Amino acid sequence: MSTKKSKLLLAGVMLAITGGAFAATDADTQAQLDAIKGAIPKFAVPMREVGDRFQNMYFAAKDGNWALAAYMSKYMNGAMNPAKLTKAEEYKTWKSFYEGKFAAVDKTIQAKDLNGFEAAYTKVIDDCNSCHKKMDYPFIKVVKMKAPADIGIDYTVKSEPGDVPK
């Protein structure tokens, strides 16, 4: 008998012996899914990463590390993915912001346009603060930091925005 058939036979015997004791009910499955969903970061934890990446992006662009600026933008957006499940309505607001108001920042990164980047970045800070107010978080006020959030990165490496792997 082949190994595959042996394993299938053994699994069938185990299921018959236990009477399906290992089979989960719909309620068990839902409880497990709810527990997993409860363990996934809601909005505040991913937003913290967004903030750090947003600040780092500025220092990367300022010093000509355009790939790092593009990388920070890409993963800033990706950091919000858990909110698709945990805070779907708030995620819609984020997605609209990133694809709308934040798009100008991405365009300046791709163009390596530091003057345009400065203007778009500053505008986004205002947009962030406006959004925080609308979502009843007026006490969260974004400012342009004097130093990057992550000091363990060399922001001065010269690079191109297209250097970021897909």
N, C-alpha and C. Protein backbone atom coordinates (compact mmCIF):
# COMPACT_ATOMS: atom_id res chain seq x y z
N MET A 1 0.85 -1.17 0.00
CA MET A 1 0.00 0.00 0.00
C MET A 1 0.90 1.24 0.00
N SER A 2 0.53 2.26 -0.76
CA SER A 2 1.34 3.48 -0.85
C SER A 2 1.26 4.26 0.45
N THR A 3 2.24 5.12 0.67
CA THR A 3 2.29 5.93 1.87
C THR A 3 1.07 6.85 1.96
N LYS A 4 0.69 7.41 0.82
CA LYS A 4 -0.45 8.32 0.80
C LYS A 4 -1.73 7.57 1.20
N LYS A 5 -1.92 6.38 0.65
CA LYS A 5 -3.11 5.60 1.00
C LYS A 5 -3.08 5.19 2.46
N SER A 6 -1.90 4.88 2.98
CA SER A 6 -1.77 4.50 4.39
C SER A 6 -2.16 5.65 5.30
N LYS A 7 -1.73 6.83 4.96
CA LYS A 7 -2.06 8.00 5.77
C LYS A 7 -3.56 8.29 5.73
N LEU A 8 -4.15 8.16 4.57
CA LEU A 8 -5.58 8.38 4.46
C LEU A 8 -6.36 7.35 5.26
N LEU A 9 -5.95 6.10 5.17
CA LEU A 9 -6.59 5.04 5.93
C LEU A 9 -6.47 5.29 7.43
N LEU A 10 -5.28 5.67 7.88
CA LEU A 10 -5.05 5.95 9.29
C LEU A 10 -5.93 7.12 9.75
N ALA A 11 -6.02 8.15 8.96
CA ALA A 11 -6.85 9.31 9.30
C ALA A 11 -8.31 8.89 9.40
N GLY A 12 -8.76 8.04 8.49
CA GLY A 12 -10.14 7.57 8.53
C GLY A 12 -10.42 6.73 9.76
N VAL A 13 -9.49 5.87 10.12
CA VAL A 13 -9.64 5.04 11.31
C VAL A 13 -9.69 5.92 12.56
N MET A 14 -8.80 6.91 12.64
CA MET A 14 -8.78 7.80 13.81
C MET A 14 -10.10 8.57 13.93
N LEU A 15 -10.62 9.01 12.81
CA LEU A 15 -11.88 9.73 12.82
C LEU A 15 -13.01 8.82 13.28
N ALA A 16 -12.99 7.57 12.82
CA ALA A 16 -14.04 6.62 13.20
C ALA A 16 -13.95 6.29 14.70
N ILE A 17 -12.74 6.12 15.21
CA ILE A 17 -12.55 5.77 16.62
C ILE A 17 -12.99 6.91 17.53
N THR A 18 -12.64 8.10 17.17
CA THR A 18 -12.95 9.24 18.04
C THR A 18 -14.36 9.74 17.83
N GLY A 19 -15.04 9.23 16.85
CA GLY A 19 -16.40 9.67 16.58
C GLY A 19 -16.45 11.12 16.13
N GLY A 20 -15.36 11.56 15.55
CA GLY A 20 -15.32 12.93 15.06
C GLY A 20 -15.09 13.93 16.17
N ALA A 21 -14.53 13.50 17.31
CA ALA A 21 -14.32 14.39 18.44
C ALA A 21 -13.43 15.58 18.10
N PHE A 22 -12.62 15.44 17.06
CA PHE A 22 -11.73 16.52 16.68
C PHE A 22 -12.38 17.50 15.70
N ALA A 23 -13.54 17.17 15.24
CA ALA A 23 -14.23 18.05 14.29
C ALA A 23 -14.81 19.24 15.06
N ALA A 24 -14.58 20.41 14.55
CA ALA A 24 -15.07 21.63 15.21
C ALA A 24 -16.49 21.93 14.75
N THR A 25 -17.28 22.46 15.67
CA THR A 25 -18.62 22.88 15.31
C THR A 25 -18.53 24.27 14.69
N ASP A 26 -19.63 24.71 14.09
CA ASP A 26 -19.65 26.06 13.53
C ASP A 26 -19.40 27.09 14.62
N ALA A 27 -19.94 26.86 15.81
CA ALA A 27 -19.75 27.79 16.93
C ALA A 27 -18.28 27.83 17.35
N ASP A 28 -17.64 26.64 17.37
CA ASP A 28 -16.21 26.58 17.72
C ASP A 28 -15.38 27.34 16.69
N THR A 29 -15.69 27.10 15.45
CA THR A 29 -14.95 27.75 14.37
C THR A 29 -15.13 29.26 14.45
N GLN A 30 -16.36 29.73 14.70
CA GLN A 30 -16.61 31.17 14.81
C GLN A 30 -15.88 31.75 16.01
N ALA A 31 -15.87 31.02 17.11
CA ALA A 31 -15.17 31.49 18.31
C ALA A 31 -13.67 31.62 18.04
N GLN A 32 -13.12 30.65 17.31
CA GLN A 32 -11.69 30.71 16.96
C GLN A 32 -11.41 31.89 16.04
N LEU A 33 -12.29 32.09 15.06
CA LEU A 33 -12.11 33.23 14.15
C LEU A 33 -12.22 34.55 14.89
N ASP A 34 -13.16 34.65 15.81
CA ASP A 34 -13.32 35.87 16.61
C ASP A 34 -12.08 36.12 17.47
N ALA A 35 -11.52 35.05 18.03
CA ALA A 35 -10.31 35.19 18.86
C ALA A 35 -9.13 35.66 18.01
N ILE A 36 -9.00 35.10 16.82
CA ILE A 36 -7.92 35.53 15.92
C ILE A 36 -8.11 37.00 15.54
N LYS A 37 -9.31 37.35 15.17
CA LYS A 37 -9.61 38.74 14.80
C LYS A 37 -9.34 39.67 15.98
N GLY A 38 -9.65 39.23 17.19
CA GLY A 38 -9.42 40.04 18.38
C GLY A 38 -7.94 40.26 18.66
N ALA A 39 -7.10 39.34 18.19
CA ALA A 39 -5.66 39.46 18.43
C ALA A 39 -4.96 40.33 17.37
N ILE A 40 -5.64 40.58 16.27
CA ILE A 40 -5.05 41.39 15.20
C ILE A 40 -5.14 42.87 15.60
N PRO A 41 -4.05 43.62 15.38
CA PRO A 41 -4.10 45.05 15.72
C PRO A 41 -5.27 45.75 15.05
N LYS A 42 -5.89 46.66 15.80
CA LYS A 42 -7.06 47.38 15.28
C LYS A 42 -6.61 48.51 14.35
N PHE A 43 -6.52 49.71 14.84
CA PHE A 43 -6.17 50.86 14.02
C PHE A 43 -4.98 51.61 14.62
N ALA A 44 -4.92 51.69 15.93
CA ALA A 44 -3.88 52.47 16.58
C ALA A 44 -2.48 51.90 16.36
N VAL A 45 -2.33 50.59 16.45
CA VAL A 45 -1.01 49.98 16.29
C VAL A 45 -0.50 50.17 14.85
N PRO A 46 -1.29 49.82 13.83
CA PRO A 46 -0.81 50.08 12.47
C PRO A 46 -0.57 51.58 12.22
N MET A 47 -1.41 52.43 12.80
CA MET A 47 -1.24 53.87 12.59
C MET A 47 0.08 54.36 13.19
N ARG A 48 0.51 53.73 14.26
CA ARG A 48 1.81 54.09 14.85
C ARG A 48 2.92 53.81 13.84
N GLU A 49 2.84 52.67 13.18
CA GLU A 49 3.84 52.34 12.15
C GLU A 49 3.74 53.33 11.00
N VAL A 50 2.53 53.69 10.62
CA VAL A 50 2.33 54.69 9.57
C VAL A 50 3.06 55.98 9.93
N GLY A 51 2.88 56.43 11.17
CA GLY A 51 3.51 57.66 11.61
C GLY A 51 5.03 57.59 11.54
N ASP A 52 5.59 56.49 12.00
CA ASP A 52 7.04 56.34 11.96
C ASP A 52 7.56 56.33 10.52
N ARG A 53 6.89 55.58 9.67
CA ARG A 53 7.32 55.51 8.27
C ARG A 53 7.16 56.86 7.57
N PHE A 54 6.08 57.57 7.91
CA PHE A 54 5.85 58.88 7.32
C PHE A 54 6.99 59.83 7.71
N GLN A 55 7.39 59.82 8.96
CA GLN A 55 8.48 60.68 9.40
C GLN A 55 9.81 60.27 8.74
N ASN A 56 10.08 58.98 8.68
CA ASN A 56 11.31 58.49 8.06
C ASN A 56 11.37 58.87 6.58
N MET A 57 10.25 58.84 5.92
CA MET A 57 10.15 59.18 4.50
C MET A 57 10.72 60.58 4.24
N TYR A 58 10.39 61.50 5.11
CA TYR A 58 10.86 62.87 4.95
C TYR A 58 12.39 62.92 4.92
N PHE A 59 13.02 62.27 5.86
CA PHE A 59 14.48 62.31 5.96
C PHE A 59 15.14 61.57 4.81
N ALA A 60 14.49 60.52 4.33
CA ALA A 60 15.01 59.81 3.17
C ALA A 60 14.98 60.70 1.93
N ALA A 61 13.84 61.33 1.68
CA ALA A 61 13.71 62.21 0.50
C ALA A 61 14.66 63.39 0.61
N LYS A 62 14.72 63.99 1.76
CA LYS A 62 15.57 65.17 1.98
C LYS A 62 17.04 64.87 1.66
N ASP A 63 17.46 63.65 1.96
CA ASP A 63 18.86 63.27 1.74
C ASP A 63 19.09 62.52 0.44
N GLY A 64 18.08 62.44 -0.43
CA GLY A 64 18.26 61.81 -1.74
C GLY A 64 18.16 60.30 -1.76
N ASN A 65 17.66 59.70 -0.70
CA ASN A 65 17.46 58.26 -0.68
C ASN A 65 16.02 57.99 -1.12
N TRP A 66 15.79 58.19 -2.41
CA TRP A 66 14.43 58.13 -2.97
C TRP A 66 13.83 56.73 -2.89
N ALA A 67 14.66 55.70 -2.99
CA ALA A 67 14.14 54.33 -2.85
C ALA A 67 13.61 54.12 -1.43
N LEU A 68 14.33 54.63 -0.45
CA LEU A 68 13.87 54.48 0.93
C LEU A 68 12.58 55.26 1.15
N ALA A 69 12.47 56.44 0.56
CA ALA A 69 11.23 57.21 0.68
C ALA A 69 10.07 56.43 0.06
N ALA A 70 10.30 55.85 -1.13
CA ALA A 70 9.26 55.05 -1.80
C ALA A 70 8.92 53.81 -0.98
N TYR A 71 9.93 53.18 -0.43
CA TYR A 71 9.76 51.99 0.40
C TYR A 71 8.91 52.33 1.63
N MET A 72 9.22 53.44 2.28
CA MET A 72 8.47 53.85 3.46
C MET A 72 7.00 54.10 3.11
N SER A 73 6.77 54.72 1.97
CA SER A 73 5.39 54.97 1.54
C SER A 73 4.65 53.66 1.27
N LYS A 74 5.30 52.77 0.56
CA LYS A 74 4.67 51.48 0.21
C LYS A 74 4.29 50.70 1.47
N TYR A 75 5.22 50.60 2.40
CA TYR A 75 4.96 49.81 3.59
C TYR A 75 4.16 50.57 4.64
N MET A 76 4.13 51.88 4.54
CA MET A 76 3.24 52.67 5.36
C MET A 76 1.80 52.28 5.03
N ASN A 77 1.51 52.20 3.76
CA ASN A 77 0.17 51.81 3.33
C ASN A 77 -0.12 50.35 3.73
N GLY A 78 0.84 49.47 3.50
CA GLY A 78 0.65 48.06 3.84
C GLY A 78 0.45 47.82 5.33
N ALA A 79 0.99 48.70 6.16
CA ALA A 79 0.84 48.55 7.61
C ALA A 79 -0.62 48.61 8.03
N MET A 80 -1.44 49.24 7.22
CA MET A 80 -2.85 49.41 7.59
C MET A 80 -3.71 48.21 7.21
N ASN A 81 -3.15 47.21 6.57
CA ASN A 81 -3.94 46.05 6.13
C ASN A 81 -4.74 45.36 7.24
N PRO A 82 -4.21 45.23 8.47
CA PRO A 82 -5.04 44.59 9.51
C PRO A 82 -6.37 45.31 9.73
N ALA A 83 -6.37 46.62 9.53
CA ALA A 83 -7.60 47.39 9.75
C ALA A 83 -8.69 47.04 8.75
N LYS A 84 -8.33 46.40 7.64
CA LYS A 84 -9.36 45.94 6.70
C LYS A 84 -10.34 45.01 7.41
N LEU A 85 -9.82 44.19 8.33
CA LEU A 85 -10.63 43.22 9.06
C LEU A 85 -11.17 43.78 10.37
N THR A 86 -10.33 44.54 11.06
CA THR A 86 -10.67 44.93 12.43
C THR A 86 -11.42 46.25 12.54
N LYS A 87 -11.22 47.14 11.58
CA LYS A 87 -11.87 48.46 11.59
C LYS A 87 -12.19 48.84 10.15
N ALA A 88 -13.08 48.10 9.54
CA ALA A 88 -13.35 48.23 8.10
C ALA A 88 -13.76 49.66 7.70
N GLU A 89 -14.59 50.30 8.49
CA GLU A 89 -15.03 51.67 8.14
C GLU A 89 -13.88 52.65 8.21
N GLU A 90 -13.06 52.54 9.26
CA GLU A 90 -11.91 53.42 9.39
C GLU A 90 -10.90 53.15 8.28
N TYR A 91 -10.78 51.86 7.90
CA TYR A 91 -9.86 51.52 6.81
C TYR A 91 -10.28 52.22 5.51
N LYS A 92 -11.57 52.30 5.27
CA LYS A 92 -12.04 53.00 4.06
C LYS A 92 -11.56 54.44 4.06
N THR A 93 -11.58 55.07 5.21
CA THR A 93 -11.10 56.45 5.34
C THR A 93 -9.61 56.50 5.03
N TRP A 94 -8.85 55.54 5.58
CA TRP A 94 -7.41 55.47 5.31
C TRP A 94 -7.15 55.29 3.82
N LYS A 95 -7.83 54.32 3.21
CA LYS A 95 -7.61 54.02 1.80
C LYS A 95 -7.90 55.25 0.94
N SER A 96 -8.97 55.93 1.23
CA SER A 96 -9.32 57.14 0.49
C SER A 96 -8.24 58.21 0.66
N PHE A 97 -7.74 58.35 1.88
CA PHE A 97 -6.67 59.31 2.16
C PHE A 97 -5.41 58.95 1.38
N TYR A 98 -4.98 57.68 1.47
CA TYR A 98 -3.73 57.27 0.85
C TYR A 98 -3.80 57.39 -0.68
N GLU A 99 -4.92 56.96 -1.24
CA GLU A 99 -5.06 57.00 -2.70
C GLU A 99 -5.39 58.40 -3.22
N GLY A 100 -5.90 59.26 -2.36
CA GLY A 100 -6.28 60.61 -2.77
C GLY A 100 -5.26 61.65 -2.34
N LYS A 101 -5.39 62.11 -1.13
CA LYS A 101 -4.56 63.21 -0.63
C LYS A 101 -3.07 62.86 -0.59
N PHE A 102 -2.73 61.63 -0.24
CA PHE A 102 -1.33 61.25 -0.13
C PHE A 102 -0.67 60.99 -1.49
N ALA A 103 -1.45 60.79 -2.52
CA ALA A 103 -0.91 60.46 -3.85
C ALA A 103 0.09 61.51 -4.34
N ALA A 104 -0.12 62.77 -3.98
CA ALA A 104 0.81 63.82 -4.41
C ALA A 104 2.21 63.60 -3.84
N VAL A 105 2.29 63.09 -2.63
CA VAL A 105 3.60 62.79 -2.03
C VAL A 105 4.29 61.70 -2.84
N ASP A 106 3.55 60.64 -3.15
CA ASP A 106 4.13 59.56 -3.94
C ASP A 106 4.62 60.04 -5.31
N LYS A 107 3.85 60.90 -5.93
CA LYS A 107 4.25 61.43 -7.25
C LYS A 107 5.55 62.19 -7.16
N THR A 108 5.72 62.99 -6.11
CA THR A 108 6.96 63.75 -5.97
C THR A 108 8.15 62.84 -5.68
N ILE A 109 7.90 61.74 -4.97
CA ILE A 109 8.97 60.77 -4.72
C ILE A 109 9.40 60.16 -6.04
N GLN A 110 8.45 59.72 -6.84
CA GLN A 110 8.78 59.10 -8.13
C GLN A 110 9.51 60.08 -9.05
N ALA A 111 9.18 61.36 -8.94
CA ALA A 111 9.81 62.39 -9.78
C ALA A 111 11.12 62.91 -9.18
N LYS A 112 11.43 62.47 -7.95
CA LYS A 112 12.60 62.96 -7.22
C LYS A 112 12.58 64.49 -7.16
N ASP A 113 11.43 65.02 -6.87
CA ASP A 113 11.19 66.45 -6.82
C ASP A 113 11.15 66.89 -5.36
N LEU A 114 12.29 67.32 -4.82
CA LEU A 114 12.37 67.65 -3.40
C LEU A 114 11.49 68.84 -3.05
N ASN A 115 11.47 69.88 -3.87
CA ASN A 115 10.62 71.04 -3.57
C ASN A 115 9.15 70.64 -3.56
N GLY A 116 8.73 69.88 -4.56
CA GLY A 116 7.36 69.40 -4.61
C GLY A 116 7.05 68.48 -3.44
N PHE A 117 8.02 67.65 -3.09
CA PHE A 117 7.85 66.74 -1.96
C PHE A 117 7.61 67.53 -0.68
N GLU A 118 8.45 68.53 -0.43
CA GLU A 118 8.31 69.36 0.78
C GLU A 118 6.90 69.94 0.88
N ALA A 119 6.41 70.48 -0.24
CA ALA A 119 5.07 71.09 -0.25
C ALA A 119 3.98 70.04 -0.02
N ALA A 120 4.07 68.92 -0.75
CA ALA A 120 3.06 67.86 -0.62
C ALA A 120 3.10 67.24 0.78
N TYR A 121 4.28 67.03 1.31
CA TYR A 121 4.45 66.44 2.64
C TYR A 121 3.83 67.34 3.71
N THR A 122 4.10 68.63 3.62
CA THR A 122 3.54 69.58 4.57
C THR A 122 2.03 69.63 4.47
N LYS A 123 1.50 69.57 3.26
CA LYS A 123 0.05 69.55 3.05
C LYS A 123 -0.56 68.30 3.69
N VAL A 124 0.11 67.16 3.54
CA VAL A 124 -0.40 65.91 4.12
C VAL A 124 -0.43 65.99 5.64
N ILE A 125 0.53 66.66 6.24
CA ILE A 125 0.50 66.82 7.70
C ILE A 125 -0.79 67.54 8.09
N ASP A 126 -1.12 68.60 7.37
CA ASP A 126 -2.38 69.31 7.64
C ASP A 126 -3.58 68.40 7.42
N ASP A 127 -3.55 67.60 6.35
CA ASP A 127 -4.64 66.68 6.07
C ASP A 127 -4.78 65.62 7.17
N CYS A 128 -3.65 65.13 7.66
CA CYS A 128 -3.68 64.14 8.76
C CYS A 128 -4.37 64.73 9.98
N ASN A 129 -3.96 65.93 10.32
CA ASN A 129 -4.53 66.56 11.51
C ASN A 129 -6.01 66.85 11.34
N SER A 130 -6.41 67.23 10.15
CA SER A 130 -7.83 67.46 9.86
C SER A 130 -8.62 66.16 10.00
N CYS A 131 -8.07 65.09 9.47
CA CYS A 131 -8.73 63.78 9.56
C CYS A 131 -8.83 63.33 11.01
N HIS A 132 -7.76 63.50 11.77
CA HIS A 132 -7.80 63.12 13.18
C HIS A 132 -8.93 63.85 13.90
N LYS A 133 -9.10 65.13 13.60
CA LYS A 133 -10.18 65.90 14.22
C LYS A 133 -11.54 65.33 13.83
N LYS A 134 -11.71 65.03 12.53
CA LYS A 134 -12.99 64.50 12.05
C LYS A 134 -13.33 63.15 12.67
N MET A 135 -12.29 62.38 13.00
CA MET A 135 -12.51 61.05 13.58
C MET A 135 -12.52 61.10 15.11
N ASP A 136 -12.63 62.31 15.67
CA ASP A 136 -12.70 62.53 17.12
C ASP A 136 -11.40 62.23 17.85
N TYR A 137 -10.27 62.47 17.17
CA TYR A 137 -8.95 62.34 17.78
C TYR A 137 -8.17 63.64 17.62
N PRO A 138 -8.76 64.78 18.03
CA PRO A 138 -8.07 66.06 17.82
C PRO A 138 -6.79 66.18 18.65
N PHE A 139 -6.65 65.32 19.64
CA PHE A 139 -5.46 65.33 20.49
C PHE A 139 -4.26 64.65 19.83
N ILE A 140 -4.48 64.02 18.66
CA ILE A 140 -3.37 63.42 17.90
C ILE A 140 -3.00 64.43 16.82
N LYS A 141 -1.91 65.14 17.05
CA LYS A 141 -1.48 66.17 16.12
C LYS A 141 -0.11 65.80 15.56
N VAL A 142 -0.06 65.60 14.26
CA VAL A 142 1.18 65.25 13.58
C VAL A 142 2.01 66.51 13.39
N VAL A 143 3.30 66.40 13.62
CA VAL A 143 4.25 67.47 13.36
C VAL A 143 5.43 66.89 12.58
N LYS A 144 6.16 67.74 11.90
CA LYS A 144 7.37 67.28 11.22
C LYS A 144 8.47 67.19 12.28
N MET A 145 9.02 66.01 12.44
CA MET A 145 10.03 65.79 13.47
C MET A 145 11.37 66.40 13.06
N LYS A 146 12.21 66.64 14.05
CA LYS A 146 13.55 67.18 13.79
C LYS A 146 14.55 66.08 13.47
N ALA A 147 14.17 64.85 13.77
CA ALA A 147 15.01 63.68 13.50
C ALA A 147 14.08 62.53 13.11
N PRO A 148 14.58 61.57 12.35
CA PRO A 148 13.73 60.45 11.95
C PRO A 148 13.30 59.60 13.14
N ALA A 149 12.20 58.90 12.96
CA ALA A 149 11.70 58.00 14.00
C ALA A 149 12.66 56.83 14.22
N ASP A 150 13.27 56.38 13.16
CA ASP A 150 14.21 55.26 13.24
C ASP A 150 15.61 55.79 12.96
N ILE A 151 16.41 55.91 14.01
CA ILE A 151 17.76 56.44 13.84
C ILE A 151 18.76 55.37 13.41
N GLY A 152 18.30 54.16 13.24
CA GLY A 152 19.19 53.07 12.85
C GLY A 152 19.28 52.86 11.35
N ILE A 153 18.89 53.85 10.56
CA ILE A 153 18.93 53.76 9.10
C ILE A 153 19.81 54.87 8.56
N ASP A 154 20.58 54.56 7.53
CA ASP A 154 21.37 55.59 6.85
C ASP A 154 20.49 56.22 5.77
N TYR A 155 20.01 57.39 6.04
CA TYR A 155 19.10 58.08 5.12
C TYR A 155 19.83 58.72 3.95
N THR A 156 21.16 58.75 4.00
CA THR A 156 21.94 59.46 2.99
C THR A 156 22.34 58.59 1.80
N VAL A 157 21.99 57.31 1.80
CA VAL A 157 22.32 56.43 0.68
C VAL A 157 21.58 56.95 -0.56
N LYS A 158 22.31 57.26 -1.60
CA LYS A 158 21.68 57.76 -2.83
C LYS A 158 21.03 56.59 -3.56
N SER A 159 19.78 56.78 -3.97
CA SER A 159 19.04 55.71 -4.63
C SER A 159 17.95 56.29 -5.50
N GLU A 160 17.37 55.44 -6.30
CA GLU A 160 16.29 55.80 -7.21
C GLU A 160 14.97 55.22 -6.68
N PRO A 161 13.86 55.91 -6.90
CA PRO A 161 12.58 55.40 -6.41
C PRO A 161 12.23 54.02 -6.97
N GLY A 162 12.68 53.73 -8.18
CA GLY A 162 12.39 52.43 -8.79
C GLY A 162 13.24 51.29 -8.27
N ASP A 163 14.16 51.59 -7.35
CA ASP A 163 15.02 50.54 -6.78
C ASP A 163 14.28 49.63 -5.79
N VAL A 164 13.08 50.01 -5.38
CA VAL A 164 12.32 49.21 -4.42
C VAL A 164 11.80 47.96 -5.11
N PRO A 165 12.12 46.77 -4.57
CA PRO A 165 11.60 45.54 -5.19
C PRO A 165 10.08 45.51 -5.15
N LYS A 166 9.50 44.93 -6.14
CA LYS A 166 8.02 44.85 -6.22
C LYS A 166 7.47 43.89 -5.25
